[in-house]
Amino acid sequence: MKGNLAIDYINNNNLIGIKAGLQRPAFLDIWMVVVDGRIFARSW
């Protein structure tokens, strides 16, 4: 995604789930917010 597409996506979807590795049984929720054009993310 390019800059504006990513910011538009985050403005509409604050939580996304990621899954890394074959051994992880569940998705990890990541909370994101845009402030002054910068993306801040934290595990939920």
Protein backbone atom coordinates (compact mmCIF):
# COMPACT_ATOMS: atom_id res chain seq x y z
CA MET A 1 0.00 0.00 0.00
CA LYS A 2 1.12 3.50 -0.64
CA GLY A 3 0.92 6.29 1.95
CA ASN A 4 -2.59 7.64 1.45
CA LEU A 5 -4.12 4.20 0.88
CA ALA A 6 -2.65 2.94 4.15
CA ILE A 7 -3.91 5.97 6.09
CA ASP A 8 -7.39 5.66 4.54
CA TYR A 9 -7.47 1.97 5.45
CA ILE A 10 -6.43 2.62 9.06
CA ASN A 11 -8.98 5.42 9.44
CA ASN A 12 -11.69 2.90 8.50
CA ASN A 13 -10.26 -0.21 10.24
CA ASN A 14 -8.59 0.34 13.61
CA LEU A 15 -7.94 -3.36 14.34
CA ILE A 16 -6.23 -5.83 12.06
CA GLY A 17 -5.17 -9.39 12.77
CA ILE A 18 -1.77 -10.75 11.85
CA LYS A 19 -0.41 -14.26 12.14
CA ALA A 20 3.29 -14.92 11.88
CA GLY A 21 4.93 -18.30 11.82
CA LEU A 22 3.54 -21.80 11.51
CA GLN A 23 3.45 -22.42 15.26
CA ARG A 24 1.19 -19.50 16.23
CA PRO A 25 -2.32 -20.89 16.86
CA ALA A 26 -4.24 -17.60 16.70
CA PHE A 27 -4.15 -14.16 15.16
CA LEU A 28 -2.64 -11.23 17.07
CA ASP A 29 -4.79 -8.09 17.02
CA ILE A 30 -2.97 -4.85 16.21
CA TRP A 31 -4.64 -1.54 17.05
CA MET A 32 -3.67 1.38 14.83
CA VAL A 33 -4.49 5.08 14.75
CA VAL A 34 -3.40 7.99 12.56
CA VAL A 35 -2.34 11.24 14.27
CA ASP A 36 -1.09 14.16 12.18
CA GLY A 37 -0.41 11.84 9.25
CA ARG A 38 1.66 9.39 11.34
CA ILE A 39 0.62 5.80 12.06
CA PHE A 40 0.83 4.51 15.62
CA ALA A 41 0.34 0.80 16.30
CA ARG A 42 0.14 -1.35 19.40
CA SER A 43 -0.75 -4.95 20.11
CA TRP A 44 -4.22 -5.26 21.54
